[in-house]
Structure formats: structure tokens, C-alpha cells
């Protein structure tokens, strides 16, 4: 019984950790996209002068 509870807890912890990793990856990709747009706008402003 103790092993069953322990394995269930390990699965739950692994799911939570993987959810945080997936959320972090999505946030990182979003930051890269946003940053790229800012870089392109800055480039246009610098090239316009």
C-alpha cells in the first residue's frame, strides 16, 4: 500500500514538473517572438534615419 501511494505521488510530482517545463517553453517561445518583433521595429527605425 505504501509503495502504491509513493508511486502515485511520484507521478503527480512528475506531471507538475513537466507542466511547469511546458509552460516555461511556451513562455520562452512567446518572448522570442515578441523580442524579434521589437528588434525588427528598432531596425526599421535605425535604417529610416
Protein backbone atom coordinates (compact mmCIF):
# COMPACT_ATOMS: atom_id res chain seq x y z
CA UNK A 1 0.00 0.00 0.00
CA UNK A 2 2.84 2.38 0.86
CA UNK A 3 4.53 1.68 -2.48
CA UNK A 4 1.29 2.44 -4.33
CA UNK A 5 0.86 5.80 -2.60
CA UNK A 6 4.53 6.61 -3.17
CA UNK A 7 4.34 5.82 -6.88
CA UNK A 8 1.14 7.88 -7.27
CA UNK A 9 2.83 10.84 -5.55
CA UNK A 10 5.87 10.45 -7.82
CA UNK A 11 3.62 10.50 -10.89
CA UNK A 12 1.81 13.62 -9.64
CA UNK A 13 5.11 15.39 -8.93
CA UNK A 14 6.43 14.43 -12.37
CA UNK A 15 3.26 15.77 -14.01
CA UNK A 16 3.52 19.07 -12.14
CA UNK A 17 7.20 19.45 -13.07
CA UNK A 18 6.51 18.66 -16.72
CA UNK A 19 3.59 21.13 -16.74
CA UNK A 20 5.92 23.87 -15.46
CA UNK A 21 8.53 22.93 -18.09
CA UNK A 22 5.96 23.05 -20.90
CA UNK A 23 4.61 26.39 -19.66
CA UNK A 24 8.16 27.74 -19.46
CA UNK A 25 8.90 26.61 -23.00
CA UNK A 26 5.72 28.24 -24.33
CA UNK A 27 6.55 31.45 -22.43
CA UNK A 28 10.11 31.37 -23.80
CA UNK A 29 8.88 30.94 -27.38
CA UNK A 30 6.44 33.83 -26.85
CA UNK A 31 9.26 36.01 -25.50
CA UNK A 32 11.43 35.17 -28.53
CA UNK A 33 8.59 36.12 -30.92
CA UNK A 34 7.91 39.38 -29.04
CA UNK A 35 11.62 40.20 -28.89
CA UNK A 36 12.04 39.53 -32.60
CA UNK A 37 9.24 41.99 -33.40
CA UNK A 38 10.90 44.63 -31.22
CA UNK A 39 14.26 44.01 -32.92
CA UNK A 40 12.65 44.37 -36.36
CA UNK A 41 10.95 47.64 -35.36
CA UNK A 42 14.21 49.01 -33.96
CA UNK A 43 15.99 48.04 -37.17
CA UNK A 44 13.39 49.85 -39.27
CA UNK A 45 13.71 52.96 -37.10
CA UNK A 46 17.51 52.92 -37.31
CA UNK A 47 17.52 52.31 -41.07
CA UNK A 48 14.93 55.04 -41.70
CA UNK A 49 17.31 57.79 -40.49
